[in-house]
Amino acid sequence: MAVPWFDPNLYAFIPGTLLGVVGGTMGALAGTLAPRGRARAFVVGAFAAMLALCAVMLVAAVVALAAGQPYGVWYGLGLPGLIGIVVFGALLPVVLARYREAETRRMGAADFG
């Protein structure tokens, strides 16, 4: 077995905790800003960045598993990576649809008024 990258008993909870905190904050931002059509570049960019970061965590988990790292190391990286890819990957099209709806409402109001 290889030398652990970090002590899984002390640090394995950090990636999942950070994903939960950042994901909840981004969900609140998207739920508030997307229907209003505000801060599109920031919200969509943040979702894409989190999707990329979760992919990096998942790849790091696969590398850790292949390198013979302890369970807590690869699982602590792999689970939040997989959950993040599924959640952010599924919600990105929904957020984009909310922004399209807001733009359609704005164009309809401009045509009407």
N, C-alpha and C. Protein backbone atom coordinates (compact mmCIF):
# COMPACT_ATOMS: atom_id res chain seq x y z
N MET A 1 0.84 -1.17 0.00
CA MET A 1 0.00 0.00 0.00
C MET A 1 0.89 1.24 0.00
N ALA A 2 0.47 2.23 -0.74
CA ALA A 2 1.23 3.47 -0.86
C ALA A 2 1.03 4.33 0.39
N VAL A 3 1.89 5.31 0.54
CA VAL A 3 1.75 6.27 1.64
C VAL A 3 0.51 7.12 1.36
N PRO A 4 -0.39 7.26 2.31
CA PRO A 4 -1.62 8.03 2.07
C PRO A 4 -1.32 9.48 1.71
N TRP A 5 -2.12 10.02 0.79
CA TRP A 5 -1.96 11.41 0.37
C TRP A 5 -2.27 12.36 1.52
N PHE A 6 -3.23 11.95 2.35
CA PHE A 6 -3.60 12.72 3.54
C PHE A 6 -4.18 11.75 4.54
N ASP A 7 -4.32 12.18 5.78
CA ASP A 7 -4.88 11.32 6.82
C ASP A 7 -6.39 11.26 6.64
N PRO A 8 -6.92 10.13 6.20
CA PRO A 8 -8.35 10.05 5.94
C PRO A 8 -9.21 10.20 7.19
N ASN A 9 -8.65 9.89 8.36
CA ASN A 9 -9.42 10.04 9.59
C ASN A 9 -9.64 11.50 9.96
N LEU A 10 -8.77 12.38 9.48
CA LEU A 10 -8.88 13.79 9.82
C LEU A 10 -9.46 14.64 8.69
N TYR A 11 -9.21 14.27 7.43
CA TYR A 11 -9.51 15.19 6.34
C TYR A 11 -10.47 14.65 5.28
N ALA A 12 -10.92 13.43 5.36
CA ALA A 12 -11.75 12.86 4.29
C ALA A 12 -13.12 13.52 4.19
N PHE A 13 -13.59 14.15 5.25
CA PHE A 13 -14.91 14.77 5.23
C PHE A 13 -14.92 16.13 4.52
N ILE A 14 -13.76 16.73 4.32
CA ILE A 14 -13.70 18.11 3.83
C ILE A 14 -14.25 18.26 2.40
N PRO A 15 -13.89 17.43 1.41
CA PRO A 15 -14.44 17.64 0.07
C PRO A 15 -15.97 17.56 0.02
N GLY A 16 -16.54 16.61 0.70
CA GLY A 16 -18.00 16.48 0.71
C GLY A 16 -18.69 17.64 1.41
N THR A 17 -18.10 18.08 2.51
CA THR A 17 -18.67 19.21 3.24
C THR A 17 -18.62 20.48 2.41
N LEU A 18 -17.49 20.72 1.79
CA LEU A 18 -17.36 21.92 0.94
C LEU A 18 -18.31 21.85 -0.25
N LEU A 19 -18.46 20.67 -0.84
CA LEU A 19 -19.41 20.53 -1.95
C LEU A 19 -20.83 20.85 -1.49
N GLY A 20 -21.21 20.39 -0.32
CA GLY A 20 -22.54 20.68 0.20
C GLY A 20 -22.77 22.15 0.46
N VAL A 21 -21.80 22.81 1.06
CA VAL A 21 -21.93 24.24 1.37
C VAL A 21 -21.98 25.07 0.09
N VAL A 22 -21.02 24.82 -0.81
CA VAL A 22 -20.98 25.58 -2.06
C VAL A 22 -22.19 25.26 -2.93
N GLY A 23 -22.58 23.99 -2.97
CA GLY A 23 -23.75 23.61 -3.76
C GLY A 23 -25.03 24.24 -3.25
N GLY A 24 -25.20 24.29 -1.94
CA GLY A 24 -26.38 24.95 -1.38
C GLY A 24 -26.40 26.44 -1.67
N THR A 25 -25.24 27.06 -1.56
CA THR A 25 -25.15 28.50 -1.86
C THR A 25 -25.44 28.77 -3.33
N MET A 26 -24.89 27.94 -4.21
CA MET A 26 -25.13 28.13 -5.64
C MET A 26 -26.58 27.85 -6.00
N GLY A 27 -27.20 26.90 -5.33
CA GLY A 27 -28.61 26.63 -5.57
C GLY A 27 -29.48 27.81 -5.17
N ALA A 28 -29.14 28.41 -4.05
CA ALA A 28 -29.89 29.60 -3.61
C ALA A 28 -29.69 30.76 -4.58
N LEU A 29 -28.47 30.96 -5.04
CA LEU A 29 -28.20 32.02 -6.01
C LEU A 29 -28.94 31.77 -7.32
N ALA A 30 -28.88 30.55 -7.81
CA ALA A 30 -29.56 30.23 -9.07
C ALA A 30 -31.07 30.35 -8.92
N GLY A 31 -31.60 29.90 -7.81
CA GLY A 31 -33.04 29.98 -7.60
C GLY A 31 -33.55 31.41 -7.46
N THR A 32 -32.68 32.29 -7.00
CA THR A 32 -33.06 33.70 -6.84
C THR A 32 -32.80 34.51 -8.10
N LEU A 33 -31.64 34.29 -8.72
CA LEU A 33 -31.22 35.15 -9.83
C LEU A 33 -31.72 34.69 -11.20
N ALA A 34 -31.79 33.39 -11.44
CA ALA A 34 -32.16 32.90 -12.77
C ALA A 34 -33.58 33.30 -13.20
N PRO A 35 -34.60 33.19 -12.35
CA PRO A 35 -35.92 33.62 -12.80
C PRO A 35 -36.01 35.12 -13.08
N ARG A 36 -35.12 35.89 -12.51
CA ARG A 36 -35.09 37.34 -12.75
C ARG A 36 -34.19 37.70 -13.93
N GLY A 37 -33.42 36.75 -14.42
CA GLY A 37 -32.53 36.99 -15.54
C GLY A 37 -31.27 37.76 -15.17
N ARG A 38 -30.88 37.73 -13.93
CA ARG A 38 -29.73 38.49 -13.44
C ARG A 38 -28.50 37.59 -13.32
N ALA A 39 -27.32 38.16 -13.47
CA ALA A 39 -26.01 37.52 -13.23
C ALA A 39 -25.88 36.18 -13.94
N ARG A 40 -26.30 36.12 -15.20
CA ARG A 40 -26.26 34.87 -15.95
C ARG A 40 -24.83 34.33 -16.08
N ALA A 41 -23.90 35.19 -16.45
CA ALA A 41 -22.52 34.74 -16.65
C ALA A 41 -21.93 34.18 -15.36
N PHE A 42 -22.20 34.83 -14.25
CA PHE A 42 -21.66 34.36 -12.97
C PHE A 42 -22.26 33.01 -12.58
N VAL A 43 -23.58 32.89 -12.65
CA VAL A 43 -24.24 31.66 -12.19
C VAL A 43 -23.89 30.49 -13.10
N VAL A 44 -23.99 30.67 -14.40
CA VAL A 44 -23.67 29.58 -15.32
C VAL A 44 -22.18 29.23 -15.25
N GLY A 45 -21.33 30.24 -15.13
CA GLY A 45 -19.90 29.98 -14.98
C GLY A 45 -19.57 29.24 -13.70
N ALA A 46 -20.25 29.60 -12.61
CA ALA A 46 -20.02 28.91 -11.33
C ALA A 46 -20.49 27.46 -11.42
N PHE A 47 -21.61 27.21 -12.08
CA PHE A 47 -22.08 25.83 -12.25
C PHE A 47 -21.08 25.03 -13.09
N ALA A 48 -20.58 25.64 -14.16
CA ALA A 48 -19.61 24.95 -15.01
C ALA A 48 -18.30 24.70 -14.26
N ALA A 49 -17.88 25.66 -13.47
CA ALA A 49 -16.65 25.49 -12.68
C ALA A 49 -16.81 24.38 -11.65
N MET A 50 -17.95 24.31 -10.99
CA MET A 50 -18.17 23.25 -10.02
C MET A 50 -18.27 21.89 -10.70
N LEU A 51 -18.86 21.85 -11.88
CA LEU A 51 -18.91 20.60 -12.63
C LEU A 51 -17.50 20.14 -12.98
N ALA A 52 -16.65 21.06 -13.40
CA ALA A 52 -15.26 20.71 -13.72
C ALA A 52 -14.50 20.28 -12.46
N LEU A 53 -14.69 20.99 -11.35
CA LEU A 53 -14.02 20.62 -10.11
C LEU A 53 -14.44 19.24 -9.63
N CYS A 54 -15.70 18.91 -9.77
CA CYS A 54 -16.17 17.58 -9.37
C CYS A 54 -15.59 16.51 -10.28
N ALA A 55 -15.44 16.82 -11.56
CA ALA A 55 -14.80 15.86 -12.47
C ALA A 55 -13.35 15.63 -12.08
N VAL A 56 -12.66 16.69 -11.67
CA VAL A 56 -11.27 16.56 -11.21
C VAL A 56 -11.21 15.69 -9.95
N MET A 57 -12.15 15.90 -9.03
CA MET A 57 -12.17 15.07 -7.81
C MET A 57 -12.42 13.60 -8.15
N LEU A 58 -13.30 13.34 -9.10
CA LEU A 58 -13.58 11.96 -9.48
C LEU A 58 -12.36 11.31 -10.14
N VAL A 59 -11.68 12.05 -11.00
CA VAL A 59 -10.47 11.53 -11.62
C VAL A 59 -9.40 11.29 -10.55
N ALA A 60 -9.26 12.20 -9.60
CA ALA A 60 -8.29 12.01 -8.51
C ALA A 60 -8.64 10.77 -7.69
N ALA A 61 -9.92 10.51 -7.50
CA ALA A 61 -10.33 9.32 -6.76
C ALA A 61 -9.97 8.05 -7.51
N VAL A 62 -10.16 8.05 -8.82
CA VAL A 62 -9.79 6.87 -9.62
C VAL A 62 -8.28 6.65 -9.58
N VAL A 63 -7.52 7.74 -9.68
CA VAL A 63 -6.05 7.63 -9.59
C VAL A 63 -5.65 7.11 -8.21
N ALA A 64 -6.31 7.61 -7.16
CA ALA A 64 -6.00 7.14 -5.80
C ALA A 64 -6.32 5.67 -5.64
N LEU A 65 -7.42 5.23 -6.20
CA LEU A 65 -7.79 3.81 -6.12
C LEU A 65 -6.76 2.96 -6.86
N ALA A 66 -6.36 3.42 -8.05
CA ALA A 66 -5.37 2.67 -8.83
C ALA A 66 -4.00 2.66 -8.15
N ALA A 67 -3.69 3.71 -7.40
CA ALA A 67 -2.40 3.79 -6.72
C ALA A 67 -2.38 3.04 -5.40
N GLY A 68 -3.50 2.49 -5.00
CA GLY A 68 -3.54 1.72 -3.76
C GLY A 68 -3.69 2.56 -2.51
N GLN A 69 -4.28 3.73 -2.65
CA GLN A 69 -4.52 4.59 -1.48
C GLN A 69 -5.57 3.95 -0.58
N PRO A 70 -5.58 4.31 0.70
CA PRO A 70 -6.59 3.76 1.62
C PRO A 70 -8.01 4.17 1.20
N TYR A 71 -8.95 3.41 1.71
CA TYR A 71 -10.37 3.63 1.40
C TYR A 71 -10.81 5.06 1.65
N GLY A 72 -10.43 5.64 2.77
CA GLY A 72 -10.86 6.99 3.12
C GLY A 72 -10.37 8.05 2.16
N VAL A 73 -9.24 7.82 1.51
CA VAL A 73 -8.69 8.79 0.58
C VAL A 73 -9.50 8.79 -0.71
N TRP A 74 -9.62 7.63 -1.37
CA TRP A 74 -10.32 7.62 -2.65
C TRP A 74 -11.82 7.78 -2.49
N TYR A 75 -12.39 7.28 -1.41
CA TYR A 75 -13.83 7.45 -1.19
C TYR A 75 -14.16 8.90 -0.83
N GLY A 76 -13.30 9.55 -0.05
CA GLY A 76 -13.52 10.94 0.33
C GLY A 76 -13.47 11.88 -0.86
N LEU A 77 -12.76 11.50 -1.91
CA LEU A 77 -12.73 12.29 -3.14
C LEU A 77 -13.77 11.83 -4.15
N GLY A 78 -14.00 10.53 -4.21
CA GLY A 78 -14.88 9.97 -5.24
C GLY A 78 -16.36 10.24 -5.03
N LEU A 79 -16.82 10.11 -3.79
CA LEU A 79 -18.25 10.31 -3.55
C LEU A 79 -18.70 11.74 -3.84
N PRO A 80 -18.04 12.77 -3.30
CA PRO A 80 -18.48 14.12 -3.67
C PRO A 80 -18.26 14.43 -5.15
N GLY A 81 -17.23 13.85 -5.75
CA GLY A 81 -17.03 14.06 -7.18
C GLY A 81 -18.17 13.50 -8.00
N LEU A 82 -18.58 12.29 -7.68
CA LEU A 82 -19.69 11.65 -8.41
C LEU A 82 -21.01 12.37 -8.15
N ILE A 83 -21.28 12.68 -6.90
CA ILE A 83 -22.53 13.39 -6.58
C ILE A 83 -22.55 14.75 -7.24
N GLY A 84 -21.43 15.46 -7.22
CA GLY A 84 -21.38 16.78 -7.84
C GLY A 84 -21.61 16.73 -9.34
N ILE A 85 -21.03 15.75 -10.01
CA ILE A 85 -21.23 15.61 -11.45
C ILE A 85 -22.70 15.35 -11.76
N VAL A 86 -23.32 14.47 -10.99
CA VAL A 86 -24.73 14.16 -11.22
C VAL A 86 -25.61 15.38 -10.94
N VAL A 87 -25.41 16.02 -9.81
CA VAL A 87 -26.28 17.14 -9.42
C VAL A 87 -26.08 18.36 -10.31
N PHE A 88 -24.83 18.80 -10.45
CA PHE A 88 -24.59 20.00 -11.26
C PHE A 88 -24.83 19.72 -12.74
N GLY A 89 -24.54 18.51 -13.19
CA GLY A 89 -24.83 18.16 -14.58
C GLY A 89 -26.31 18.13 -14.87
N ALA A 90 -27.12 17.70 -13.91
CA ALA A 90 -28.56 17.68 -14.11
C ALA A 90 -29.19 19.06 -13.96
N LEU A 91 -28.63 19.90 -13.11
CA LEU A 91 -29.24 21.21 -12.85
C LEU A 91 -28.80 22.30 -13.82
N LEU A 92 -27.68 22.12 -14.48
CA LEU A 92 -27.23 23.15 -15.42
C LEU A 92 -28.24 23.40 -16.54
N PRO A 93 -28.82 22.37 -17.18
CA PRO A 93 -29.84 22.65 -18.20
C PRO A 93 -31.09 23.32 -17.61
N VAL A 94 -31.43 23.02 -16.37
CA VAL A 94 -32.58 23.65 -15.73
C VAL A 94 -32.32 25.14 -15.51
N VAL A 95 -31.13 25.47 -15.04
CA VAL A 95 -30.77 26.88 -14.82
C VAL A 95 -30.77 27.63 -16.15
N LEU A 96 -30.21 27.02 -17.19
CA LEU A 96 -30.21 27.66 -18.51
C LEU A 96 -31.63 27.86 -19.02
N ALA A 97 -32.53 26.91 -18.75
CA ALA A 97 -33.93 27.07 -19.16
C ALA A 97 -34.59 28.23 -18.41
N ARG A 98 -34.28 28.40 -17.14
CA ARG A 98 -34.85 29.53 -16.38
C ARG A 98 -34.38 30.86 -16.94
N TYR A 99 -33.12 30.92 -17.34
CA TYR A 99 -32.61 32.15 -17.95
C TYR A 99 -33.28 32.40 -19.31
N ARG A 100 -33.52 31.35 -20.09
CA ARG A 100 -34.23 31.52 -21.37
C ARG A 100 -35.65 32.01 -21.14
N GLU A 101 -36.32 31.47 -20.13
CA GLU A 101 -37.68 31.91 -19.80
C GLU A 101 -37.70 33.38 -19.39
N ALA A 102 -36.72 33.79 -18.61
CA ALA A 102 -36.65 35.19 -18.20
C ALA A 102 -36.42 36.09 -19.41
N GLU A 103 -35.57 35.67 -20.33
CA GLU A 103 -35.33 36.45 -21.54
C GLU A 103 -36.59 36.52 -22.40
N THR A 104 -37.32 35.42 -22.50
CA THR A 104 -38.57 35.42 -23.26
C THR A 104 -39.60 36.36 -22.63
N ARG A 105 -39.70 36.36 -21.32
CA ARG A 105 -40.61 37.29 -20.64
C ARG A 105 -40.20 38.73 -20.89
N ARG A 106 -38.91 38.99 -20.83
CA ARG A 106 -38.42 40.35 -21.05
C ARG A 106 -38.72 40.82 -22.48
N MET A 107 -38.50 39.93 -23.46
CA MET A 107 -38.79 40.29 -24.86
C MET A 107 -40.29 40.48 -25.08
N GLY A 108 -41.10 39.64 -24.44
CA GLY A 108 -42.55 39.79 -24.57
C GLY A 108 -43.03 41.10 -23.96
N ALA A 109 -42.46 41.49 -22.86
CA ALA A 109 -42.84 42.75 -22.23
C ALA A 109 -42.40 43.94 -23.08
N ALA A 110 -41.25 43.82 -23.72
CA ALA A 110 -40.78 44.90 -24.60
C ALA A 110 -41.67 45.01 -25.82
N ASP A 111 -42.12 43.88 -26.37
CA ASP A 111 -43.01 43.91 -27.53
C ASP A 111 -44.39 44.45 -27.16
N PHE A 112 -44.84 44.15 -25.98
CA PHE A 112 -46.17 44.55 -25.55
C PHE A 112 -46.21 46.06 -25.21
N GLY A 113 -45.15 46.52 -24.58
CA GLY A 113 -45.12 47.90 -24.12
C GLY A 113 -44.49 48.78 -25.09
